[in-house]
Amino acid sequence: MQVWAIANQKGGVGKTTTTLLLGRLLAARGQRVLLADLDPHASLTRAFGIPTEPSPPGTLDLFESPPKAVAEVSRATPIANLRLLPAQAGMATLERRSATAPGLGLALGQGLAAAAADYDYALLDCPPTLGLLMVNALAAADQLVVPTQTEPLGVHGMEGMLKTATMIERSRKRPLPARILPTLFDRRTRACTETLDLLREQHPDRTWVQAVPLDTRLRDAAELTHAELSHEVTQSRGFDAYQRALAWLLREAPQPQEQPA
């Protein structure tokens, strides 16, 4: 199973839309996909119409003692081949609990590893803050995908994310490849075009040479969770861009290491 963390230390860059569309595009290819909502704000969970009160089974249960299995707390979605691990409001308490509960930094990775035979991909929608949940995601990930709004503040958040990834990479002692996915690109504005050029110049080996355009047809995440997407969405520039971005990410993804005989 390949684990991709979708993360940026800035909000509003398209993390949830990216997680959702990459996940359903992988599922459309026949891959078994798990989407994990790690953000206490639960945008991905709400997009699927799941109420957060009362709290549903989900991500937090992997951090309990003893932890629940992914199979127990994930749920089917209207999209074939795609399951969801919902977010829960109590996830916001994990930071306090980590002070007295050693080992929580690896809880997510252990839970995903136990479910590896059930999925081909797990995509982790991360919170926009550095904390226990993001650390768990980066510790578990085979690849980091950084959606980056093509404007100066977006680049600032991206740089912080790359520094965090480098720190986690050192502590886990195995590579964490990072891929920068430019998003919300508006070719009509100078700020967007200059920012995209800057990304390509400063991170040529990590940055997708294209960009996901600003597209109002992808604005409503709930519309993207239907079993069948509308013709308006599938013919949109944004959806087409995500298809091309996925092809790039699959080419760049680290190949699974062969197990010794």
Protein backbone atom coordinates (compact mmCIF):
# COMPACT_ATOMS: atom_id res chain seq x y z
CA MET A 1 0.00 0.00 0.00
CA GLN A 2 1.26 3.46 -0.93
CA VAL A 3 0.59 6.21 1.64
CA TRP A 4 0.44 9.79 0.41
CA ALA A 5 0.24 12.69 2.87
CA ILE A 6 -1.54 15.73 1.40
CA ALA A 7 -0.22 18.56 3.53
CA ASN A 8 0.68 22.23 3.75
CA GLN A 9 1.17 24.42 6.81
CA LYS A 10 -1.19 26.98 5.31
CA GLY A 11 -4.93 26.60 4.95
CA GLY A 12 -6.98 27.39 1.88
CA VAL A 13 -4.58 25.85 -0.64
CA GLY A 14 -6.85 23.06 -1.85
CA LYS A 15 -5.74 20.14 0.35
CA THR A 16 -9.19 18.59 0.75
CA THR A 17 -10.13 19.02 -2.92
CA THR A 18 -6.78 17.52 -3.89
CA THR A 19 -7.19 14.55 -1.55
CA LEU A 20 -10.72 13.90 -2.75
CA LEU A 21 -10.05 14.16 -6.48
CA LEU A 22 -6.78 12.22 -6.45
CA GLY A 23 -8.52 9.55 -4.39
CA ARG A 24 -11.51 9.15 -6.68
CA LEU A 25 -9.30 9.22 -9.79
CA LEU A 26 -7.20 6.39 -8.34
CA ALA A 27 -10.41 4.52 -7.48
CA ALA A 28 -11.61 4.99 -11.06
CA ARG A 29 -8.45 3.18 -12.16
CA GLY A 30 -9.55 0.18 -10.10
CA GLN A 31 -7.31 0.93 -7.12
CA ARG A 32 -8.59 0.27 -3.59
CA VAL A 33 -8.33 3.65 -1.87
CA LEU A 34 -8.65 4.82 1.73
CA LEU A 35 -9.12 8.53 2.42
CA ALA A 36 -8.19 9.50 5.98
CA ASP A 37 -9.42 12.82 7.37
CA LEU A 38 -6.80 14.00 9.89
CA ASP A 39 -8.10 17.55 10.23
CA PRO A 40 -10.25 18.24 13.33
CA HIS A 41 -12.18 20.75 11.18
CA ALA A 42 -13.40 17.67 9.26
CA SER A 43 -13.86 19.29 5.84
CA LEU A 44 -13.43 15.98 4.02
CA THR A 45 -15.80 14.20 6.39
CA ARG A 46 -18.46 16.89 5.99
CA ALA A 47 -18.09 16.74 2.21
CA PHE A 48 -19.36 13.17 2.39
CA GLY A 49 -22.34 14.35 4.44
CA ILE A 50 -21.21 12.71 7.67
CA PRO A 51 -22.25 14.70 10.76
CA THR A 52 -19.53 15.25 13.34
CA GLU A 53 -22.05 15.23 16.22
CA PRO A 54 -22.50 12.66 17.54
CA SER A 55 -18.92 11.80 16.78
CA PRO A 56 -18.65 8.99 14.21
CA PRO A 57 -16.12 6.17 14.47
CA GLY A 58 -12.96 7.27 12.72
CA THR A 59 -9.39 8.47 12.92
CA LEU A 60 -9.28 9.11 16.66
CA ASP A 61 -10.04 5.45 17.36
CA LEU A 62 -6.64 4.49 15.94
CA PHE A 63 -5.05 6.41 18.82
CA GLU A 64 -7.01 4.70 21.59
CA SER A 65 -5.64 2.00 23.86
CA PRO A 66 -6.14 -0.58 22.54
CA PRO A 67 -6.51 0.94 19.05
CA LYS A 68 -9.39 0.02 16.76
CA ALA A 69 -8.65 -1.52 13.38
CA VAL A 70 -9.14 0.58 10.24
CA ALA A 71 -11.74 -1.92 9.04
CA GLU A 72 -13.85 -1.24 12.16
CA VAL A 73 -13.88 2.55 11.94
CA SER A 74 -13.77 3.30 8.20
CA ARG A 75 -16.88 3.38 6.06
CA ALA A 76 -17.93 2.92 2.46
CA THR A 77 -18.60 5.96 0.31
CA PRO A 78 -20.83 6.39 -2.76
CA ILE A 79 -17.66 6.11 -4.88
CA ALA A 80 -16.68 2.59 -5.90
CA ASN A 81 -13.36 1.33 -4.48
CA LEU A 82 -13.11 4.25 -2.05
CA ARG A 83 -13.54 4.19 1.74
CA LEU A 84 -13.31 7.01 4.27
CA LEU A 85 -11.77 7.23 7.72
CA PRO A 86 -13.77 10.15 9.18
CA ALA A 87 -12.44 12.93 11.38
CA GLN A 88 -13.73 13.43 14.91
CA ALA A 89 -13.89 16.54 17.06
CA GLY A 90 -11.95 14.81 19.84
CA MET A 91 -8.86 14.73 17.65
CA ALA A 92 -8.12 18.23 18.91
CA THR A 93 -7.33 16.72 22.34
CA LEU A 94 -4.52 14.50 21.05
CA GLU A 95 -1.86 17.15 21.64
CA ARG A 96 -2.59 17.15 25.38
CA ARG A 97 -2.74 13.36 25.55
CA SER A 98 0.60 12.93 23.80
CA ALA A 99 2.42 14.34 26.84
CA THR A 100 1.33 11.38 28.96
CA ALA A 101 0.91 8.68 26.33
CA PRO A 102 4.21 7.77 24.66
CA GLY A 103 4.05 6.18 21.24
CA LEU A 104 1.20 8.24 19.81
CA GLY A 105 3.52 9.64 17.16
CA LEU A 106 3.46 6.27 15.37
CA ALA A 107 -0.14 5.26 16.01
CA LEU A 108 -1.46 6.16 12.56
CA GLY A 109 1.35 4.38 10.74
CA GLN A 110 0.80 1.25 12.79
CA GLY A 111 -2.92 1.29 12.07
CA LEU A 112 -2.37 1.75 8.35
CA ALA A 113 0.30 -0.95 8.24
CA ALA A 114 -2.14 -3.41 9.79
CA ALA A 115 -4.65 -2.59 7.00
CA ALA A 116 -2.11 -2.58 4.16
CA ALA A 117 -3.48 -5.75 2.56
CA ASP A 118 -6.91 -4.14 2.14
CA TYR A 119 -5.83 -1.07 0.14
CA ASP A 120 -3.58 -0.03 -2.70
CA TYR A 121 -3.45 3.63 -1.63
CA ALA A 122 -4.12 5.65 1.52
CA LEU A 123 -4.42 9.43 1.09
CA LEU A 124 -4.13 11.51 4.26
CA ASP A 125 -5.85 14.90 4.37
CA CYS A 126 -3.69 16.70 6.94
CA PRO A 127 -4.46 19.68 9.19
CA PRO A 128 -2.74 22.99 8.33
CA THR A 129 -0.78 23.05 11.59
CA LEU A 130 2.34 21.26 12.78
CA GLY A 131 1.27 18.91 15.56
CA LEU A 132 0.80 15.27 16.46
CA LEU A 133 -1.57 14.51 13.58
CA MET A 134 0.72 15.94 10.92
CA VAL A 135 3.73 14.24 12.50
CA ASN A 136 1.85 10.94 12.34
CA ALA A 137 1.00 11.49 8.68
CA LEU A 138 4.57 12.34 7.69
CA ALA A 139 5.97 9.43 9.69
CA ALA A 140 3.64 7.04 7.84
CA ALA A 141 3.88 8.51 4.33
CA ASP A 142 5.70 7.12 1.32
CA GLN A 143 5.22 10.43 -0.51
CA LEU A 144 4.34 13.97 0.54
CA VAL A 145 2.12 15.99 -1.80
CA VAL A 146 2.15 19.72 -1.04
CA PRO A 147 -0.72 21.62 -2.70
CA THR A 148 0.58 25.18 -2.97
CA GLN A 149 -1.53 28.19 -3.85
CA THR A 150 0.28 30.20 -6.52
CA GLU A 151 0.69 33.37 -4.47
CA PRO A 152 3.43 34.55 -2.08
CA LEU A 153 1.77 33.46 1.18
CA GLY A 154 1.17 30.04 -0.29
CA VAL A 155 4.88 29.67 -1.03
CA HIS A 156 5.70 30.70 2.53
CA GLY A 157 3.52 27.89 3.89
CA MET A 158 5.03 25.45 1.42
CA GLU A 159 8.58 26.28 2.51
CA GLY A 160 7.61 25.66 6.12
CA MET A 161 6.09 22.34 5.11
CA LEU A 162 9.27 21.24 3.34
CA LYS A 163 11.37 22.10 6.41
CA THR A 164 9.03 20.04 8.58
CA ALA A 165 9.24 17.14 6.13
CA THR A 166 13.04 17.26 6.26
CA MET A 167 12.95 17.14 10.05
CA ILE A 168 10.62 14.12 10.05
CA GLU A 169 12.68 12.44 7.33
CA ARG A 170 15.78 12.61 9.53
CA SER A 171 13.99 11.18 12.55
CA ARG A 172 12.35 8.30 10.70
CA LYS A 173 15.59 7.48 8.82
CA ARG A 174 14.05 6.76 5.44
CA PRO A 175 13.35 9.06 2.49
CA LEU A 176 10.21 11.17 2.32
CA PRO A 177 9.93 12.41 -1.28
CA ALA A 178 8.03 15.71 -1.51
CA ARG A 179 6.08 16.83 -4.60
CA ILE A 180 4.81 20.39 -5.00
CA LEU A 181 1.43 20.71 -6.70
CA PRO A 182 0.66 24.32 -7.73
CA THR A 183 -3.04 25.07 -7.21
CA LEU A 184 -5.60 27.85 -7.58
CA PHE A 185 -3.65 29.27 -10.51
CA ASP A 186 -5.09 32.32 -12.26
CA ARG A 187 -3.07 33.12 -15.37
CA ARG A 188 -4.66 36.59 -15.50
CA THR A 189 -2.79 37.77 -12.41
CA ARG A 190 0.86 38.71 -12.25
CA ALA A 191 1.23 37.33 -8.72
CA CYS A 192 0.16 33.85 -9.85
CA THR A 193 2.42 33.71 -12.89
CA GLU A 194 5.43 35.04 -10.99
CA THR A 195 4.83 32.62 -8.11
CA LEU A 196 4.57 29.65 -10.47
CA ASP A 197 7.83 30.69 -12.13
CA LEU A 198 9.45 30.98 -8.70
CA LEU A 199 8.35 27.46 -7.71
CA ARG A 200 9.73 26.02 -10.93
CA GLU A 201 13.01 27.90 -10.47
CA GLN A 202 13.61 27.11 -6.79
CA HIS A 203 12.29 23.52 -6.75
CA PRO A 204 12.63 22.23 -10.32
CA ASP A 205 12.84 18.56 -9.36
CA ARG A 206 9.87 18.70 -7.01
CA THR A 207 7.38 20.96 -8.75
CA TRP A 208 4.79 19.92 -11.30
CA VAL A 209 5.55 21.98 -14.39
CA GLN A 210 1.84 22.68 -14.90
CA ALA A 211 -0.72 24.00 -12.40
CA VAL A 212 -4.29 23.33 -11.27
CA PRO A 213 -6.29 26.36 -12.40
CA LEU A 214 -8.69 28.31 -10.23
CA ASP A 215 -11.99 26.64 -11.17
CA THR A 216 -15.30 27.46 -9.51
CA ARG A 217 -16.72 24.10 -10.64
CA LEU A 218 -14.48 22.39 -8.07
CA ARG A 219 -15.36 24.78 -5.25
CA ASP A 220 -18.08 22.63 -3.65
CA ALA A 221 -16.35 19.54 -2.24
CA ALA A 222 -19.71 17.90 -1.53
CA GLU A 223 -20.42 17.87 -5.28
CA LEU A 224 -17.24 15.85 -5.76
CA THR A 225 -18.38 13.02 -3.45
CA HIS A 226 -21.32 11.87 -5.60
CA ALA A 227 -21.15 8.42 -7.14
CA GLU A 228 -21.14 10.03 -10.59
CA LEU A 229 -19.69 13.44 -11.28
CA SER A 230 -21.65 15.95 -13.31
CA HIS A 231 -20.72 16.60 -16.91
CA GLU A 232 -19.89 20.16 -15.89
CA VAL A 233 -17.22 18.89 -13.48
CA THR A 234 -15.70 16.19 -15.70
CA GLN A 235 -15.34 18.64 -18.57
CA SER A 236 -13.83 21.37 -16.42
CA ARG A 237 -10.26 22.63 -16.71
CA GLY A 238 -9.64 21.87 -13.05
CA PHE A 239 -10.70 18.24 -13.28
CA ASP A 240 -8.57 17.74 -16.38
CA ALA A 241 -5.61 19.25 -14.54
CA TYR A 242 -6.02 16.83 -11.63
CA GLN A 243 -6.00 13.90 -14.05
CA ARG A 244 -2.68 15.10 -15.45
CA ALA A 245 -1.34 15.82 -11.96
CA LEU A 246 -2.16 12.27 -10.86
CA ALA A 247 -0.29 10.84 -13.85
CA TRP A 248 2.73 12.93 -12.80
CA LEU A 249 2.51 11.83 -9.17
CA LEU A 250 2.30 8.19 -10.18
CA ARG A 251 5.41 8.56 -12.32
CA GLU A 252 7.27 10.29 -9.49
CA ALA A 253 6.08 8.03 -6.67
CA PRO A 254 8.74 5.84 -5.05
CA GLN A 255 8.55 2.23 -6.17
CA PRO A 256 7.72 -0.32 -3.46
CA GLN A 257 10.79 -2.11 -2.19
CA GLU A 258 10.83 -5.80 -2.89
CA GLN A 259 10.58 -7.97 0.17
CA PRO A 260 13.47 -10.41 0.74
CA ALA A 261 12.66 -14.01 -0.13
